[in-house]
N, C-alpha and C. Protein backbone atom coordinates (compact mmCIF):
# COMPACT_ATOMS: atom_id res chain seq x y z
N MET A 1 143.61 123.37 0.38
CA MET A 1 142.19 123.63 0.87
C MET A 1 141.94 123.37 2.51
N ALA A 2 141.47 124.83 2.88
CA ALA A 2 141.03 124.57 4.22
C ALA A 2 139.72 123.94 4.69
N SER A 3 139.69 123.21 5.85
CA SER A 3 138.54 122.85 6.08
C SER A 3 138.62 122.86 7.60
N ILE A 4 137.08 122.32 7.91
CA ILE A 4 136.95 122.82 9.42
C ILE A 4 135.46 121.76 9.63
N ASP A 5 135.66 121.22 11.04
CA ASP A 5 134.55 120.54 11.58
C ASP A 5 133.43 121.34 11.91
N LEU A 6 132.23 121.35 11.12
CA LEU A 6 131.27 122.50 11.67
C LEU A 6 130.33 122.08 12.64
N ASP A 7 130.68 120.61 12.93
CA ASP A 7 130.00 120.29 14.52
C ASP A 7 130.55 121.20 15.65
N LYS A 8 131.75 121.36 15.33
CA LYS A 8 132.83 122.16 16.60
C LYS A 8 132.81 123.51 16.57
N VAL A 9 131.86 124.31 15.60
CA VAL A 9 131.99 125.46 15.45
C VAL A 9 130.74 126.08 15.25
N LEU A 10 129.57 125.36 14.65
CA LEU A 10 128.32 125.81 14.70
C LEU A 10 127.46 125.04 15.42
N ASP A 11 126.39 125.74 15.98
CA ASP A 11 125.20 125.53 16.70
C ASP A 11 124.54 124.11 15.99
N LYS A 12 124.36 122.92 16.28
CA LYS A 12 123.38 122.07 15.50
C LYS A 12 122.40 122.20 14.46
N ALA A 13 121.91 123.17 14.94
CA ALA A 13 120.79 123.69 13.68
C ALA A 13 121.43 124.15 12.47
N TRP A 14 122.73 124.47 12.48
CA TRP A 14 123.30 125.18 11.23
C TRP A 14 124.55 124.16 10.58
N ALA A 15 124.80 123.32 11.18
CA ALA A 15 125.96 122.16 11.20
C ALA A 15 125.73 121.60 9.68
N ASP A 16 124.51 121.32 9.22
CA ASP A 16 123.95 120.53 7.67
C ASP A 16 123.62 121.75 7.04
N LYS A 17 123.75 122.92 7.15
CA LYS A 17 123.73 123.81 6.06
C LYS A 17 124.89 124.11 5.17
N SER A 18 124.62 124.69 3.69
CA SER A 18 125.28 125.29 3.03
C SER A 18 126.22 126.26 3.53
N LEU A 19 127.49 126.78 2.93
CA LEU A 19 128.55 127.69 3.23
C LEU A 19 127.60 129.15 3.03
N PRO A 20 126.86 129.32 1.68
CA PRO A 20 126.45 130.54 1.83
C PRO A 20 124.94 130.63 3.01
N GLU A 21 124.60 129.56 3.03
CA GLU A 21 123.68 129.72 4.29
C GLU A 21 124.02 129.80 5.47
N ILE A 22 125.05 129.72 6.23
CA ILE A 22 125.77 129.64 7.22
C ILE A 22 126.61 131.30 7.04
N LEU A 23 127.01 131.81 5.84
CA LEU A 23 127.47 132.89 6.17
C LEU A 23 126.53 134.06 6.33
N ALA A 24 125.13 133.44 5.82
CA ALA A 24 124.24 135.01 5.84
C ALA A 24 123.57 134.38 7.22
N ALA A 25 123.66 132.91 8.22
CA ALA A 25 123.26 133.28 9.11
C ALA A 25 123.40 134.07 10.65
N PRO A 26 122.49 134.14 11.58
CA PRO A 26 123.02 135.52 12.32
C PRO A 26 124.32 134.86 13.33
N VAL A 27 125.20 135.20 13.72
CA VAL A 27 126.26 135.21 14.22
C VAL A 27 125.87 134.26 15.70
N ASP A 28 124.74 134.07 16.22
CA ASP A 28 124.50 133.12 17.12
C ASP A 28 124.79 131.87 16.44
N ALA A 29 124.69 131.41 15.21
CA ALA A 29 124.66 130.32 14.65
C ALA A 29 125.88 129.50 15.14
N LEU A 30 127.06 130.47 15.13
CA LEU A 30 128.28 130.00 15.97
C LEU A 30 128.18 129.72 17.26
N LYS A 31 128.87 128.15 17.67
CA LYS A 31 129.00 127.58 19.14
C LYS A 31 129.38 128.41 19.89
N GLY A 32 128.56 128.75 21.41
CA GLY A 32 128.84 129.61 21.98
C GLY A 32 128.68 131.10 21.86
N VAL A 33 128.07 131.41 21.00
CA VAL A 33 127.61 133.25 20.66
C VAL A 33 126.17 132.77 21.01
N SER A 34 125.88 133.77 22.09
CA SER A 34 124.21 133.51 22.16
C SER A 34 123.45 134.46 21.64
N GLU A 35 122.28 134.59 21.58
CA GLU A 35 121.28 135.47 21.08
C GLU A 35 121.62 136.82 21.35
N LYS A 36 121.77 137.00 22.76
CA LYS A 36 122.07 137.98 23.59
C LYS A 36 123.12 138.25 22.99
N ASP A 37 124.26 137.97 22.58
CA ASP A 37 125.87 138.17 22.33
C ASP A 37 125.70 139.02 20.67
N GLY A 38 124.69 138.02 19.82
CA GLY A 38 124.69 138.73 18.71
C GLY A 38 123.91 139.88 18.92
N GLU A 39 122.55 140.21 19.34
CA GLU A 39 122.28 141.54 19.71
C GLU A 39 123.18 142.65 19.86
N LEU A 40 124.32 142.20 21.25
CA LEU A 40 125.30 143.35 21.48
C LEU A 40 125.96 143.53 19.95
N LEU A 41 126.72 142.65 19.46
CA LEU A 41 127.48 142.57 18.50
C LEU A 41 126.63 143.63 17.30
N ASP A 42 125.54 143.16 17.00
CA ASP A 42 124.42 144.18 16.21
C ASP A 42 124.70 145.69 16.48
N GLN A 43 124.52 146.08 17.87
CA GLN A 43 124.39 146.98 18.74
C GLN A 43 125.63 147.81 18.36
N ALA A 44 127.08 147.11 18.87
CA ALA A 44 128.40 147.76 18.90
C ALA A 44 128.96 147.96 17.41
N PHE A 45 128.66 147.07 16.76
CA PHE A 45 129.51 146.77 15.30
C PHE A 45 128.59 147.01 13.96
N GLY A 46 127.74 146.74 14.30
CA GLY A 46 126.77 146.46 13.04
C GLY A 46 126.81 145.38 12.38
N VAL A 47 127.09 144.12 13.42
CA VAL A 47 127.03 143.04 12.94
C VAL A 47 125.84 141.98 13.26
N LYS A 48 125.67 141.14 11.97
CA LYS A 48 123.84 140.96 12.01
C LYS A 48 124.27 139.47 11.59
N THR A 49 125.53 139.09 10.81
CA THR A 49 125.86 137.52 10.17
C THR A 49 126.91 137.32 10.42
N VAL A 50 127.15 135.87 10.22
CA VAL A 50 128.61 135.24 10.28
C VAL A 50 129.62 136.04 9.46
N ALA A 51 129.14 136.42 8.26
CA ALA A 51 129.95 136.98 7.12
C ALA A 51 130.19 138.29 7.81
N ASP A 52 129.22 139.19 8.61
CA ASP A 52 129.82 140.52 8.74
C ASP A 52 130.54 140.13 10.19
N PHE A 53 130.62 139.07 11.01
CA PHE A 53 131.77 139.02 12.00
C PHE A 53 132.74 138.70 11.05
N ALA A 54 133.03 137.77 10.53
CA ALA A 54 134.23 137.34 9.94
C ALA A 54 135.00 138.83 9.37
N LYS A 55 133.88 139.52 8.89
CA LYS A 55 134.38 140.79 7.95
C LYS A 55 135.32 142.07 8.98
N LEU A 56 134.72 141.96 10.41
CA LEU A 56 134.92 143.05 11.03
C LEU A 56 136.42 143.04 11.29
N LYS A 57 136.59 144.56 11.39
CA LYS A 57 138.17 145.05 11.06
C LYS A 57 138.76 144.57 12.04
N TYR A 58 138.12 144.81 13.14
CA TYR A 58 138.75 144.06 14.94
C TYR A 58 139.19 142.59 14.78
N VAL A 59 137.97 142.16 14.13
CA VAL A 59 138.57 140.48 14.26
C VAL A 59 139.62 140.23 13.43
N ARG A 60 139.84 141.03 12.32
CA ARG A 60 140.71 140.72 11.39
C ARG A 60 142.27 141.49 11.92
N TRP A 61 142.29 142.53 12.83
CA TRP A 61 143.27 142.79 13.06
C TRP A 61 143.97 141.80 14.36
N ALA A 62 142.98 141.38 14.79
CA ALA A 62 143.47 140.50 16.08
C ALA A 62 143.85 139.51 15.64
N GLN A 63 143.56 138.85 14.40
CA GLN A 63 143.91 137.30 13.82
C GLN A 63 145.12 137.89 13.00
N ALA A 64 145.65 139.04 12.73
CA ALA A 64 146.88 139.57 11.99
C ALA A 64 147.78 139.38 13.21
N LEU A 65 147.60 139.86 14.44
CA LEU A 65 148.62 139.94 15.56
C LEU A 65 148.73 138.47 16.05
N ALA A 66 147.60 137.69 15.97
CA ALA A 66 147.98 136.36 16.53
C ALA A 66 148.55 135.73 15.77
N ALA A 67 148.59 135.73 14.23
CA ALA A 67 149.56 135.26 13.21
C ALA A 67 150.90 135.61 13.35
N LEU A 68 151.13 137.01 13.85
CA LEU A 68 152.32 137.61 14.10
C LEU A 68 153.23 136.91 15.00
N ASP A 69 152.45 136.79 16.15
CA ASP A 69 152.97 136.14 17.49
C ASP A 69 153.31 134.74 16.87
N ALA A 70 152.55 133.91 16.27
CA ALA A 70 152.73 132.37 16.10
C ALA A 70 153.96 132.35 14.88
N ALA A 71 154.30 133.31 14.23
CA ALA A 71 155.42 132.92 13.24
C ALA A 71 156.73 133.68 14.18
N LYS A 72 156.76 133.57 15.42
CA LYS A 72 157.88 133.82 15.97
C LYS A 72 158.59 132.97 16.08
């Protein structure tokens, strides 16, 4: 099973929330993503939540390309 240190990837206000709450959170719940970044992601791609961001095809494509490179 995969695990992640939530303190490293989430703003403090979200680190103690449940996974469903985190996935439904605005993308600015992610550490390093500002409210303005969230607005721009919404305008450009319709991304409103952490789950939306994870499902964004461009993110998945970039992850697949990075995995291919790592497998070399």
